[in-house]
């Protein structure tokens, strides 16, 4: 409420865009509230309530190395994207900020060290590396691990940004994903990761009360990119739970890949081209209300999140394939409903 009142009093109300589902201008800096709630709660928890919790054991500036890296990278993302929300920035600068933030995460020791082999065992991604002496320590630049980590984090930031198109979708879906990662981290005995995940869920749910239809404030790019960033990082620090993250956010990831691929196929920018081809737009075009569309996608996310909690690694791979097929069928189904509605009007 404080951020919304500040934005309204300062007339920080951007004009509506052709692809927006709302008709009147609303503040787009709600992501600041999510970020501040997360940071304040994290500081209170990690430094006052349970200072012994750690993500790595190593220290940067007297702070746990991984926590410091996450906070620094998150601050960079929120700062740059807030400028974009207020003044607008070229896509190249936003992409550069995403890459730098992802690089900070890699430098803090967080990355994709291995991926599960669906036929058994794991595939080591650190076999090809370059040792770099720096500040009296040897850092290893691992080609495949670092590259996939950068792609994963940048991709997750843009995936959540993509689904932030109708009231409450990005916030609610992110909350479901964070809760799923919280439960999984508790089950495998990772209290620091579980604490981070539930803090994120709490900050996001608090914002959702203001963002659910009809929204009173939007999170903007500073919010969606921040959520995507953390939802990309959390599976990495919890032992490479990429399959879990993919299942919970699978509809958004597959939708993002389909839309980006279609834009590239037509010679358009995959990140900045405005259109109404996302899954939530297809729900609306098929006659669903905003509430119905959002709740339908909540159910999809929660259902596959439940599958992720109940499945082994190999079963998660199979479930991921089923999810991809399911989203494809859903897109075809919604398109058919849309065509029938259009034909009925003629």
C-alpha atoms as a PDB file:
ATOM      1  CA  UNK A   1       0.000   0.000   0.000  1.00  0.00           C
ATOM      2  CA  UNK A   2       2.838   2.434   0.811  1.00  0.00           C
ATOM      3  CA  UNK A   3       4.487   1.949  -2.591  1.00  0.00           C
ATOM      4  CA  UNK A   4       1.150   2.320  -4.378  1.00  0.00           C
ATOM      5  CA  UNK A   5       0.274   5.525  -2.521  1.00  0.00           C
ATOM      6  CA  UNK A   6       3.738   6.933  -3.240  1.00  0.00           C
ATOM      7  CA  UNK A   7       3.418   6.136  -6.953  1.00  0.00           C
ATOM      8  CA  UNK A   8      -0.041   7.704  -7.166  1.00  0.00           C
ATOM      9  CA  UNK A   9       1.021  10.841  -5.261  1.00  0.00           C
ATOM     10  CA  UNK A  10       4.038  11.287  -7.558  1.00  0.00           C
ATOM     11  CA  UNK A  11       1.891  10.516 -10.637  1.00  0.00           C
ATOM     12  CA  UNK A  12       4.079   7.561 -11.606  1.00  0.00           C
ATOM     13  CA  UNK A  13       1.303   6.151 -13.769  1.00  0.00           C
ATOM     14  CA  UNK A  14       2.466   4.932 -17.206  1.00  0.00           C
ATOM     15  CA  UNK A  15       0.079   4.864 -20.132  1.00  0.00           C
ATOM     16  CA  UNK A  16      -1.692   1.600 -20.918  1.00  0.00           C
ATOM     17  CA  UNK A  17      -0.337  -0.467 -23.806  1.00  0.00           C
ATOM     18  CA  UNK A  18      -2.232  -2.245 -26.573  1.00  0.00           C
ATOM     19  CA  UNK A  19      -1.461  -5.692 -25.082  1.00  0.00           C
ATOM     20  CA  UNK A  20      -2.533  -4.713 -21.529  1.00  0.00           C
ATOM     21  CA  UNK A  21      -5.719  -6.280 -20.157  1.00  0.00           C
ATOM     22  CA  UNK A  22      -6.486  -3.275 -17.933  1.00  0.00           C
ATOM     23  CA  UNK A  23      -7.997  -0.050 -19.248  1.00  0.00           C
ATOM     24  CA  UNK A  24      -6.780   2.607 -16.803  1.00  0.00           C
ATOM     25  CA  UNK A  25      -3.173   3.477 -15.897  1.00  0.00           C
ATOM     26  CA  UNK A  26      -1.844   1.929 -12.685  1.00  0.00           C
ATOM     27  CA  UNK A  27       1.550   2.124 -10.919  1.00  0.00           C
ATOM     28  CA  UNK A  28       4.128  -0.353 -12.223  1.00  0.00           C
ATOM     29  CA  UNK A  29       6.688  -0.206  -9.413  1.00  0.00           C
ATOM     30  CA  UNK A  30       5.144  -2.747  -7.040  1.00  0.00           C
ATOM     31  CA  UNK A  31       8.225  -4.916  -7.422  1.00  0.00           C
ATOM     32  CA  UNK A  32       9.969  -2.557  -4.999  1.00  0.00           C
ATOM     33  CA  UNK A  33       7.595  -3.729  -2.258  1.00  0.00           C
ATOM     34  CA  UNK A  34       8.381  -7.395  -2.973  1.00  0.00           C
ATOM     35  CA  UNK A  35      12.127  -6.718  -3.018  1.00  0.00           C
ATOM     36  CA  UNK A  36      12.157  -4.679   0.206  1.00  0.00           C
ATOM     37  CA  UNK A  37       9.968  -7.195   2.029  1.00  0.00           C
ATOM     38  CA  UNK A  38      12.277 -10.016   0.952  1.00  0.00           C
ATOM     39  CA  UNK A  39      15.506  -8.197   1.872  1.00  0.00           C
ATOM     40  CA  UNK A  40      14.274  -6.956   5.268  1.00  0.00           C
ATOM     41  CA  UNK A  41      12.864 -10.367   6.215  1.00  0.00           C
ATOM     42  CA  UNK A  42      16.071 -12.088   5.046  1.00  0.00           C
ATOM     43  CA  UNK A  43      18.276  -9.775   7.130  1.00  0.00           C
ATOM     44  CA  UNK A  44      16.113 -10.260  10.215  1.00  0.00           C
ATOM     45  CA  UNK A  45      16.064 -14.026   9.794  1.00  0.00           C
ATOM     46  CA  UNK A  46      19.666 -14.741   8.807  1.00  0.00           C
ATOM     47  CA  UNK A  47      21.314 -12.237  11.163  1.00  0.00           C
ATOM     48  CA  UNK A  48      19.029 -12.070  14.185  1.00  0.00           C
ATOM     49  CA  UNK A  49      16.751 -15.095  14.414  1.00  0.00           C
ATOM     50  CA  UNK A  50      19.128 -17.800  13.155  1.00  0.00           C
ATOM     51  CA  UNK A  51      22.598 -16.403  12.350  1.00  0.00           C
ATOM     52  CA  UNK A  52      24.094 -19.901  12.105  1.00  0.00           C
ATOM     53  CA  UNK A  53      22.235 -20.683   8.884  1.00  0.00           C
ATOM     54  CA  UNK A  54      24.455 -20.522   5.817  1.00  0.00           C
ATOM     55  CA  UNK A  55      24.254 -21.312   2.118  1.00  0.00           C
ATOM     56  CA  UNK A  56      27.976 -21.868   1.594  1.00  0.00           C
ATOM     57  CA  UNK A  57      30.089 -21.401   4.724  1.00  0.00           C
ATOM     58  CA  UNK A  58      32.483 -19.007   2.947  1.00  0.00           C
ATOM     59  CA  UNK A  59      32.397 -15.244   3.572  1.00  0.00           C
ATOM     60  CA  UNK A  60      32.398 -12.121   1.405  1.00  0.00           C
ATOM     61  CA  UNK A  61      32.704  -8.906   3.449  1.00  0.00           C
ATOM     62  CA  UNK A  62      31.743 -10.826   6.621  1.00  0.00           C
ATOM     63  CA  UNK A  63      28.585 -12.103   4.920  1.00  0.00           C
ATOM     64  CA  UNK A  64      27.874 -15.609   3.634  1.00  0.00           C
ATOM     65  CA  UNK A  65      29.299 -15.609   0.110  1.00  0.00           C
ATOM     66  CA  UNK A  66      26.231 -16.956  -1.620  1.00  0.00           C
ATOM     67  CA  UNK A  67      23.799 -14.753   0.308  1.00  0.00           C
ATOM     68  CA  UNK A  68      25.934 -11.700  -0.496  1.00  0.00           C
ATOM     69  CA  UNK A  69      26.009 -12.660  -4.176  1.00  0.00           C
ATOM     70  CA  UNK A  70      22.237 -13.151  -4.291  1.00  0.00           C
ATOM     71  CA  UNK A  71      21.546  -9.816  -2.579  1.00  0.00           C
ATOM     72  CA  UNK A  72      24.016  -7.914  -4.783  1.00  0.00           C
ATOM     73  CA  UNK A  73      22.712  -9.421  -8.019  1.00  0.00           C
ATOM     74  CA  UNK A  74      19.097  -8.875  -6.939  1.00  0.00           C
ATOM     75  CA  UNK A  75      19.827  -5.237  -6.124  1.00  0.00           C
ATOM     76  CA  UNK A  76      21.344  -4.744  -9.584  1.00  0.00           C
ATOM     77  CA  UNK A  77      18.327  -6.300 -11.296  1.00  0.00           C
ATOM     78  CA  UNK A  78      15.794  -4.282  -9.298  1.00  0.00           C
ATOM     79  CA  UNK A  79      17.712  -1.013  -9.755  1.00  0.00           C
ATOM     80  CA  UNK A  80      18.088  -1.339 -13.535  1.00  0.00           C
ATOM     81  CA  UNK A  81      14.556  -2.619 -14.108  1.00  0.00           C
ATOM     82  CA  UNK A  82      13.088   0.123 -11.907  1.00  0.00           C
ATOM     83  CA  UNK A  83      14.735   2.681 -14.181  1.00  0.00           C
ATOM     84  CA  UNK A  84      13.167   0.846 -17.106  1.00  0.00           C
ATOM     85  CA  UNK A  85       9.737   0.945 -15.441  1.00  0.00           C
ATOM     86  CA  UNK A  86      10.031   4.689 -14.814  1.00  0.00           C
ATOM     87  CA  UNK A  87      11.885   5.952 -17.874  1.00  0.00           C
ATOM     88  CA  UNK A  88      12.334   3.065 -20.288  1.00  0.00           C
ATOM     89  CA  UNK A  89      15.609   1.413 -21.285  1.00  0.00           C
ATOM     90  CA  UNK A  90      16.807  -0.290 -24.481  1.00  0.00           C
ATOM     91  CA  UNK A  91      16.423  -4.064 -24.478  1.00  0.00           C
ATOM     92  CA  UNK A  92      20.196  -4.418 -24.877  1.00  0.00           C
ATOM     93  CA  UNK A  93      20.864  -2.657 -21.556  1.00  0.00           C
ATOM     94  CA  UNK A  94      18.301  -4.793 -19.749  1.00  0.00           C
ATOM     95  CA  UNK A  95      19.810  -7.965 -21.202  1.00  0.00           C
ATOM     96  CA  UNK A  96      23.292  -6.805 -20.213  1.00  0.00           C
ATOM     97  CA  UNK A  97      22.100  -6.236 -16.629  1.00  0.00           C
ATOM     98  CA  UNK A  98      20.611  -9.730 -16.552  1.00  0.00           C
ATOM     99  CA  UNK A  99      23.883 -11.257 -17.759  1.00  0.00           C
ATOM    100  CA  UNK A 100      25.951  -9.279 -15.219  1.00  0.00           C
ATOM    101  CA  UNK A 101      23.610 -10.301 -12.377  1.00  0.00           C
ATOM    102  CA  UNK A 102      23.862 -13.921 -13.487  1.00  0.00           C
ATOM    103  CA  UNK A 103      27.650 -13.552 -13.604  1.00  0.00           C
ATOM    104  CA  UNK A 104      27.638 -12.364  -9.981  1.00  0.00           C
ATOM    105  CA  UNK A 105      25.771 -15.527  -9.034  1.00  0.00           C
ATOM    106  CA  UNK A 106      28.321 -17.683 -10.851  1.00  0.00           C
ATOM    107  CA  UNK A 107      31.188 -15.800  -9.153  1.00  0.00           C
ATOM    108  CA  UNK A 108      29.611 -16.434  -5.741  1.00  0.00           C
ATOM    109  CA  UNK A 109      29.871 -20.170  -6.343  1.00  0.00           C
ATOM    110  CA  UNK A 110      26.318 -20.949  -7.419  1.00  0.00           C
ATOM    111  CA  UNK A 111      25.850 -22.872 -10.641  1.00  0.00           C
ATOM    112  CA  UNK A 112      24.612 -25.926 -12.480  1.00  0.00           C
ATOM    113  CA  UNK A 113      27.349 -28.442 -11.673  1.00  0.00           C
ATOM    114  CA  UNK A 114      25.564 -31.456 -13.103  1.00  0.00           C
ATOM    115  CA  UNK A 115      22.360 -32.533 -14.778  1.00  0.00           C
ATOM    116  CA  UNK A 116      20.564 -35.796 -14.211  1.00  0.00           C
ATOM    117  CA  UNK A 117      20.830 -38.410 -16.930  1.00  0.00           C
ATOM    118  CA  UNK A 118      17.325 -39.809 -17.547  1.00  0.00           C
ATOM    119  CA  UNK A 119      18.947 -43.183 -18.258  1.00  0.00           C
ATOM    120  CA  UNK A 120      20.758 -43.196 -14.922  1.00  0.00           C
ATOM    121  CA  UNK A 121      23.523 -41.285 -13.170  1.00  0.00           C
ATOM    122  CA  UNK A 122      24.490 -37.670 -13.766  1.00  0.00           C
ATOM    123  CA  UNK A 123      26.372 -35.642 -16.367  1.00  0.00           C
ATOM    124  CA  UNK A 124      29.245 -33.611 -14.914  1.00  0.00           C
ATOM    125  CA  UNK A 125      29.363 -30.072 -16.337  1.00  0.00           C
ATOM    126  CA  UNK A 126      32.650 -29.087 -14.687  1.00  0.00           C
ATOM    127  CA  UNK A 127      34.925 -31.285 -16.775  1.00  0.00           C
ATOM    128  CA  UNK A 128      36.024 -28.362 -18.976  1.00  0.00           C
ATOM    129  CA  UNK A 129      37.346 -25.458 -16.899  1.00  0.00           C
ATOM    130  CA  UNK A 130      39.983 -22.730 -16.812  1.00  0.00           C
ATOM    131  CA  UNK A 131      41.767 -21.975 -13.483  1.00  0.00           C
ATOM    132  CA  UNK A 132      42.120 -18.226 -12.788  1.00  0.00           C
ATOM    133  CA  UNK A 133      44.277 -16.977  -9.844  1.00  0.00           C
ATOM    134  CA  UNK A 134      42.552 -13.991  -8.200  1.00  0.00           C
ATOM    135  CA  UNK A 135      43.023 -12.372  -4.763  1.00  0.00           C
ATOM    136  CA  UNK A 136      45.111 -15.294  -3.586  1.00  0.00           C
ATOM    137  CA  UNK A 137      42.466 -17.838  -4.575  1.00  0.00           C
ATOM    138  CA  UNK A 138      42.103 -20.057  -7.621  1.00  0.00           C
ATOM    139  CA  UNK A 139      38.761 -19.549  -9.362  1.00  0.00           C
ATOM    140  CA  UNK A 140      37.601 -22.089 -11.912  1.00  0.00           C
ATOM    141  CA  UNK A 141      35.742 -20.803 -14.968  1.00  0.00           C
ATOM    142  CA  UNK A 142      33.762 -23.862 -15.993  1.00  0.00           C
ATOM    143  CA  UNK A 143      32.606 -23.499 -19.585  1.00  0.00           C
ATOM    144  CA  UNK A 144      29.508 -25.694 -19.678  1.00  0.00           C
ATOM    145  CA  UNK A 145      28.432 -25.110 -16.087  1.00  0.00           C
ATOM    146  CA  UNK A 146      28.779 -21.327 -16.232  1.00  0.00           C
ATOM    147  CA  UNK A 147      27.200 -21.057 -19.686  1.00  0.00           C
ATOM    148  CA  UNK A 148      24.148 -23.120 -18.750  1.00  0.00           C
ATOM    149  CA  UNK A 149      23.796 -21.196 -15.491  1.00  0.00           C
ATOM    150  CA  UNK A 150      23.757 -17.876 -17.364  1.00  0.00           C
ATOM    151  CA  UNK A 151      21.213 -19.196 -19.878  1.00  0.00           C
ATOM    152  CA  UNK A 152      19.021 -20.637 -17.096  1.00  0.00           C
ATOM    153  CA  UNK A 153      18.969 -17.446 -15.004  1.00  0.00           C
ATOM    154  CA  UNK A 154      18.431 -15.054 -17.921  1.00  0.00           C
ATOM    155  CA  UNK A 155      15.733 -17.377 -19.230  1.00  0.00           C
ATOM    156  CA  UNK A 156      13.924 -17.561 -15.884  1.00  0.00           C
ATOM    157  CA  UNK A 157      13.939 -13.783 -15.508  1.00  0.00           C
ATOM    158  CA  UNK A 158      12.293 -13.388 -18.896  1.00  0.00           C
ATOM    159  CA  UNK A 159       9.838 -16.248 -18.353  1.00  0.00           C
ATOM    160  CA  UNK A 160       8.308 -14.586 -15.280  1.00  0.00           C
ATOM    161  CA  UNK A 161       8.364 -11.267 -17.106  1.00  0.00           C
ATOM    162  CA  UNK A 162       6.464 -12.886 -19.982  1.00  0.00           C
ATOM    163  CA  UNK A 163       3.614 -14.132 -17.765  1.00  0.00           C
ATOM    164  CA  UNK A 164       3.222 -10.799 -15.981  1.00  0.00           C
ATOM    165  CA  UNK A 165       0.497  -9.878 -18.445  1.00  0.00           C
ATOM    166  CA  UNK A 166      -2.714 -10.192 -16.434  1.00  0.00           C
ATOM    167  CA  UNK A 167      -3.564  -9.403 -12.824  1.00  0.00           C
ATOM    168  CA  UNK A 168      -2.036 -11.758 -10.282  1.00  0.00           C
ATOM    169  CA  UNK A 169      -0.593 -14.344 -12.660  1.00  0.00           C
ATOM    170  CA  UNK A 170       3.136 -13.784 -12.136  1.00  0.00           C
ATOM    171  CA  UNK A 171       2.801 -13.165  -8.387  1.00  0.00           C
ATOM    172  CA  UNK A 172       0.565 -16.153  -7.697  1.00  0.00           C
ATOM    173  CA  UNK A 173       2.526 -18.555  -9.875  1.00  0.00           C
ATOM    174  CA  UNK A 174       5.794 -17.421  -8.285  1.00  0.00           C
ATOM    175  CA  UNK A 175       4.308 -17.948  -4.817  1.00  0.00           C
ATOM    176  CA  UNK A 176       3.275 -21.498  -5.751  1.00  0.00           C
ATOM    177  CA  UNK A 177       6.772 -22.193  -7.084  1.00  0.00           C
ATOM    178  CA  UNK A 178       8.423 -20.772  -3.958  1.00  0.00           C
ATOM    179  CA  UNK A 179       6.169 -22.816  -1.668  1.00  0.00           C
ATOM    180  CA  UNK A 180       6.967 -25.967  -3.652  1.00  0.00           C
ATOM    181  CA  UNK A 181      10.711 -25.309  -3.337  1.00  0.00           C
ATOM    182  CA  UNK A 182      10.205 -24.608   0.388  1.00  0.00           C
ATOM    183  CA  UNK A 183       8.481 -27.949   0.962  1.00  0.00           C
ATOM    184  CA  UNK A 184      11.090 -29.829  -1.061  1.00  0.00           C
ATOM    185  CA  UNK A 185      13.959 -28.145   0.807  1.00  0.00           C
ATOM    186  CA  UNK A 186      12.372 -29.043   4.157  1.00  0.00           C
ATOM    187  CA  UNK A 187      11.985 -32.664   3.056  1.00  0.00           C
ATOM    188  CA  UNK A 188      15.663 -32.961   2.082  1.00  0.00           C
ATOM    189  CA  UNK A 189      16.961 -31.071   5.125  1.00  0.00           C
ATOM    190  CA  UNK A 190      18.083 -27.729   3.673  1.00  0.00           C
ATOM    191  CA  UNK A 191      16.900 -25.128   6.241  1.00  0.00           C
ATOM    192  CA  UNK A 192      18.709 -22.133   4.709  1.00  0.00           C
ATOM    193  CA  UNK A 193      17.175 -22.734   1.278  1.00  0.00           C
ATOM    194  CA  UNK A 194      13.782 -23.468   2.831  1.00  0.00           C
ATOM    195  CA  UNK A 195      13.936 -20.209   4.802  1.00  0.00           C
ATOM    196  CA  UNK A 196      14.826 -18.208   1.690  1.00  0.00           C
ATOM    197  CA  UNK A 197      12.011 -19.831  -0.294  1.00  0.00           C
ATOM    198  CA  UNK A 198       9.322 -19.215   2.343  1.00  0.00           C
ATOM    199  CA  UNK A 199      10.453 -15.595   2.786  1.00  0.00           C
ATOM    200  CA  UNK A 200      10.060 -15.118  -0.967  1.00  0.00           C
ATOM    201  CA  UNK A 201       6.644 -16.787  -0.874  1.00  0.00           C
ATOM    202  CA  UNK A 202       5.523 -14.516   1.965  1.00  0.00           C
ATOM    203  CA  UNK A 203       6.702 -11.350   0.213  1.00  0.00           C
ATOM    204  CA  UNK A 204       4.960 -12.405  -2.993  1.00  0.00           C
ATOM    205  CA  UNK A 205       1.682 -13.402  -1.341  1.00  0.00           C
ATOM    206  CA  UNK A 206       1.635 -10.081   0.512  1.00  0.00           C
ATOM    207  CA  UNK A 207       1.911  -8.293  -2.818  1.00  0.00           C
ATOM    208  CA  UNK A 208      -0.715 -10.563  -4.406  1.00  0.00           C
ATOM    209  CA  UNK A 209      -3.432  -9.054  -2.184  1.00  0.00           C
ATOM    210  CA  UNK A 210      -2.877  -5.799  -4.098  1.00  0.00           C
ATOM    211  CA  UNK A 211      -2.222  -7.379  -7.477  1.00  0.00           C
ATOM    212  CA  UNK A 212      -5.009  -9.952  -7.854  1.00  0.00           C
ATOM    213  CA  UNK A 213      -7.863  -8.963 -10.161  1.00  0.00           C
ATOM    214  CA  UNK A 214      -8.810  -6.161 -10.190  1.00  0.00           C
ATOM    215  CA  UNK A 215      -5.222  -5.059  -9.549  1.00  0.00           C
ATOM    216  CA  UNK A 216      -4.438  -1.854  -7.693  1.00  0.00           C
ATOM    217  CA  UNK A 217      -0.737  -1.951  -8.573  1.00  0.00           C
ATOM    218  CA  UNK A 218       1.562  -3.911 -10.904  1.00  0.00           C
ATOM    219  CA  UNK A 219       4.983  -5.323 -10.072  1.00  0.00           C
ATOM    220  CA  UNK A 220       6.602  -3.983 -13.250  1.00  0.00           C
ATOM    221  CA  UNK A 221       9.792  -5.376 -14.747  1.00  0.00           C
ATOM    222  CA  UNK A 222      11.635  -4.735 -11.470  1.00  0.00           C
ATOM    223  CA  UNK A 223       9.266  -7.172  -9.772  1.00  0.00           C
ATOM    224  CA  UNK A 224       8.925  -9.840 -12.446  1.00  0.00           C
ATOM    225  CA  UNK A 225      12.661  -9.934 -13.176  1.00  0.00           C
ATOM    226  CA  UNK A 226      13.427 -10.117  -9.440  1.00  0.00           C
ATOM    227  CA  UNK A 227      11.024 -13.020  -8.960  1.00  0.00           C
ATOM    228  CA  UNK A 228      12.367 -14.815 -12.026  1.00  0.00           C
ATOM    229  CA  UNK A 229      15.912 -14.268 -10.793  1.00  0.00           C
ATOM    230  CA  UNK A 230      15.251 -15.769  -7.350  1.00  0.00           C
ATOM    231  CA  UNK A 231      13.178 -18.641  -8.732  1.00  0.00           C
ATOM    232  CA  UNK A 232      16.121 -19.383 -10.997  1.00  0.00           C
ATOM    233  CA  UNK A 233      18.675 -19.209  -8.173  1.00  0.00           C
ATOM    234  CA  UNK A 234      16.798 -21.201  -5.510  1.00  0.00           C
ATOM    235  CA  UNK A 235      16.826 -24.526  -7.420  1.00  0.00           C
ATOM    236  CA  UNK A 236      20.575 -24.106  -7.953  1.00  0.00           C
ATOM    237  CA  UNK A 237      21.474 -23.582  -4.291  1.00  0.00           C
ATOM    238  CA  UNK A 238      19.198 -26.447  -3.279  1.00  0.00           C
ATOM    239  CA  UNK A 239      21.204 -29.023  -5.217  1.00  0.00           C
ATOM    240  CA  UNK A 240      20.211 -28.542  -8.840  1.00  0.00           C
ATOM    241  CA  UNK A 241      16.442 -28.992  -8.543  1.00  0.00           C
ATOM    242  CA  UNK A 242      15.923 -27.753 -12.101  1.00  0.00           C
ATOM    243  CA  UNK A 243      13.354 -30.430 -12.897  1.00  0.00           C
ATOM    244  CA  UNK A 244      11.243 -29.287  -9.940  1.00  0.00           C
ATOM    245  CA  UNK A 245      11.396 -25.648 -11.042  1.00  0.00           C
ATOM    246  CA  UNK A 246      10.609 -26.668 -14.605  1.00  0.00           C
ATOM    247  CA  UNK A 247       7.538 -28.624 -13.544  1.00  0.00           C
ATOM    248  CA  UNK A 248       6.073 -25.855 -11.366  1.00  0.00           C
ATOM    249  CA  UNK A 249       6.783 -23.123 -13.923  1.00  0.00           C
ATOM    250  CA  UNK A 250       6.561 -25.442 -16.914  1.00  0.00           C
ATOM    251  CA  UNK A 251       3.516 -23.842 -18.504  1.00  0.00           C
ATOM    252  CA  UNK A 252       5.254 -20.456 -18.363  1.00  0.00           C
ATOM    253  CA  UNK A 253       8.585 -21.824 -19.636  1.00  0.00           C
ATOM    254  CA  UNK A 254       7.029 -23.756 -22.530  1.00  0.00           C
ATOM    255  CA  UNK A 255       4.772 -20.813 -23.365  1.00  0.00           C
ATOM    256  CA  UNK A 256       7.768 -18.473 -23.341  1.00  0.00           C
ATOM    257  CA  UNK A 257       9.754 -20.773 -25.634  1.00  0.00           C
ATOM    258  CA  UNK A 258       6.824 -21.127 -28.046  1.00  0.00           C
ATOM    259  CA  UNK A 259       6.193 -17.377 -28.194  1.00  0.00           C
ATOM    260  CA  UNK A 260       9.893 -16.486 -28.484  1.00  0.00           C
ATOM    261  CA  UNK A 261      10.373 -19.135 -31.175  1.00  0.00           C
ATOM    262  CA  UNK A 262       7.414 -17.822 -33.167  1.00  0.00           C
ATOM    263  CA  UNK A 263       8.717 -14.271 -32.948  1.00  0.00           C
ATOM    264  CA  UNK A 264      12.178 -15.331 -34.117  1.00  0.00           C
ATOM    265  CA  UNK A 265      10.603 -17.344 -36.957  1.00  0.00           C
ATOM    266  CA  UNK A 266       8.827 -14.183 -38.122  1.00  0.00           C
ATOM    267  CA  UNK A 267      12.000 -12.104 -37.816  1.00  0.00           C
ATOM    268  CA  UNK A 268      10.902 -10.245 -34.676  1.00  0.00           C
ATOM    269  CA  UNK A 269      12.684  -9.537 -31.395  1.00  0.00           C
ATOM    270  CA  UNK A 270      11.808 -12.451 -29.051  1.00  0.00           C
ATOM    271  CA  UNK A 271      11.942 -10.253 -25.928  1.00  0.00           C
ATOM    272  CA  UNK A 272      10.398  -6.911 -26.865  1.00  0.00           C
ATOM    273  CA  UNK A 273       7.799  -7.620 -29.564  1.00  0.00           C
ATOM    274  CA  UNK A 274       4.348  -6.672 -28.197  1.00  0.00           C
ATOM    275  CA  UNK A 275       1.614  -9.163 -29.057  1.00  0.00           C
ATOM    276  CA  UNK A 276      -1.159 -11.241 -27.524  1.00  0.00           C
ATOM    277  CA  UNK A 277       0.099 -14.753 -28.199  1.00  0.00           C
ATOM    278  CA  UNK A 278       0.978 -15.817 -24.650  1.00  0.00           C
ATOM    279  CA  UNK A 279      -1.009 -18.553 -22.945  1.00  0.00           C
ATOM    280  CA  UNK A 280      -2.873 -16.110 -20.704  1.00  0.00           C
ATOM    281  CA  UNK A 281      -3.920 -14.128 -23.791  1.00  0.00           C
ATOM    282  CA  UNK A 282      -5.172 -17.364 -25.367  1.00  0.00           C
ATOM    283  CA  UNK A 283      -7.307 -18.061 -22.276  1.00  0.00           C
ATOM    284  CA  UNK A 284      -8.859 -14.598 -22.534  1.00  0.00           C
ATOM    285  CA  UNK A 285      -9.424 -14.941 -26.294  1.00  0.00           C
ATOM    286  CA  UNK A 286     -11.199 -18.256 -25.640  1.00  0.00           C
ATOM    287  CA  UNK A 287     -13.720 -16.469 -23.430  1.00  0.00           C
ATOM    288  CA  UNK A 288     -12.236 -16.986 -19.968  1.00  0.00           C
ATOM    289  CA  UNK A 289     -12.454 -14.073 -17.556  1.00  0.00           C
ATOM    290  CA  UNK A 290      -9.235 -12.749 -16.030  1.00  0.00           C
ATOM    291  CA  UNK A 291      -9.995 -14.531 -12.756  1.00  0.00           C
ATOM    292  CA  UNK A 292     -10.815 -17.804 -14.528  1.00  0.00           C
ATOM    293  CA  UNK A 293      -7.656 -17.652 -16.639  1.00  0.00           C
ATOM    294  CA  UNK A 294      -5.401 -16.895 -13.679  1.00  0.00           C
ATOM    295  CA  UNK A 295      -6.932 -19.529 -11.405  1.00  0.00           C
ATOM    296  CA  UNK A 296      -6.715 -22.117 -14.210  1.00  0.00           C
ATOM    297  CA  UNK A 297      -2.983 -21.477 -14.499  1.00  0.00           C
ATOM    298  CA  UNK A 298      -2.595 -21.534 -10.711  1.00  0.00           C
ATOM    299  CA  UNK A 299      -4.133 -25.014 -10.752  1.00  0.00           C
ATOM    300  CA  UNK A 300      -1.769 -26.164 -13.507  1.00  0.00           C
ATOM    301  CA  UNK A 301       1.261 -24.864 -11.581  1.00  0.00           C
ATOM    302  CA  UNK A 302       0.087 -26.392  -8.285  1.00  0.00           C
ATOM    303  CA  UNK A 303      -0.738 -29.733  -9.913  1.00  0.00           C
ATOM    304  CA  UNK A 304       2.683 -30.122 -11.495  1.00  0.00           C
ATOM    305  CA  UNK A 305       4.291 -28.803  -8.314  1.00  0.00           C
ATOM    306  CA  UNK A 306       2.597 -31.646  -6.457  1.00  0.00           C
ATOM    307  CA  UNK A 307       3.896 -34.072  -9.097  1.00  0.00           C
ATOM    308  CA  UNK A 308       7.411 -32.678  -8.571  1.00  0.00           C
ATOM    309  CA  UNK A 309       7.192 -33.301  -4.824  1.00  0.00           C
ATOM    310  CA  UNK A 310       6.007 -36.867  -5.345  1.00  0.00           C
ATOM    311  CA  UNK A 311       8.426 -37.869  -8.112  1.00  0.00           C
ATOM    312  CA  UNK A 312      11.966 -39.176  -8.313  1.00  0.00           C
ATOM    313  CA  UNK A 313      14.449 -37.542 -10.692  1.00  0.00           C
ATOM    314  CA  UNK A 314      13.741 -39.939 -13.568  1.00  0.00           C
ATOM    315  CA  UNK A 315       9.997 -39.601 -13.075  1.00  0.00           C
ATOM    316  CA  UNK A 316      10.371 -35.806 -13.149  1.00  0.00           C
ATOM    317  CA  UNK A 317      11.912 -36.086 -16.612  1.00  0.00           C
ATOM    318  CA  UNK A 318       8.915 -38.113 -17.780  1.00  0.00           C
ATOM    319  CA  UNK A 319       6.542 -35.646 -16.102  1.00  0.00           C
ATOM    320  CA  UNK A 320       8.327 -32.767 -17.854  1.00  0.00           C
ATOM    321  CA  UNK A 321       7.742 -34.421 -21.228  1.00  0.00           C
ATOM    322  CA  UNK A 322       4.069 -34.894 -20.333  1.00  0.00           C
ATOM    323  CA  UNK A 323       3.899 -31.226 -19.303  1.00  0.00           C
ATOM    324  CA  UNK A 324       5.300 -30.063 -22.656  1.00  0.00           C
ATOM    325  CA  UNK A 325       2.730 -32.222 -24.459  1.00  0.00           C
ATOM    326  CA  UNK A 326      -0.037 -30.941 -22.162  1.00  0.00           C
ATOM    327  CA  UNK A 327       0.761 -27.272 -22.850  1.00  0.00           C
ATOM    328  CA  UNK A 328       0.812 -27.968 -26.596  1.00  0.00           C
ATOM    329  CA  UNK A 329      -2.606 -29.635 -26.441  1.00  0.00           C
ATOM    330  CA  UNK A 330      -3.924 -26.792 -24.265  1.00  0.00           C
ATOM    331  CA  UNK A 331      -2.800 -24.182 -26.814  1.00  0.00           C
ATOM    332  CA  UNK A 332      -4.546 -26.106 -29.622  1.00  0.00           C
ATOM    333  CA  UNK A 333      -7.683 -26.498 -27.478  1.00  0.00           C
ATOM    334  CA  UNK A 334      -7.848 -22.781 -26.646  1.00  0.00           C
ATOM    335  CA  UNK A 335      -7.297 -21.843 -30.292  1.00  0.00           C
ATOM    336  CA  UNK A 336     -10.203 -24.080 -31.319  1.00  0.00           C
ATOM    337  CA  UNK A 337     -12.497 -22.433 -28.766  1.00  0.00           C
ATOM    338  CA  UNK A 338     -11.406 -19.015 -30.027  1.00  0.00           C
ATOM    339  CA  UNK A 339     -12.203 -19.967 -33.643  1.00  0.00           C
ATOM    340  CA  UNK A 340     -15.634 -21.292 -32.665  1.00  0.00           C
ATOM    341  CA  UNK A 341     -16.383 -18.048 -30.839  1.00  0.00           C
ATOM    342  CA  UNK A 342     -15.309 -16.030 -33.869  1.00  0.00           C
ATOM    343  CA  UNK A 343     -17.408 -18.164 -36.234  1.00  0.00           C
ATOM    344  CA  UNK A 344     -20.436 -17.851 -33.950  1.00  0.00           C
ATOM    345  CA  UNK A 345     -20.246 -14.063 -34.195  1.00  0.00           C
ATOM    346  CA  UNK A 346     -20.396 -14.070 -37.988  1.00  0.00           C
END
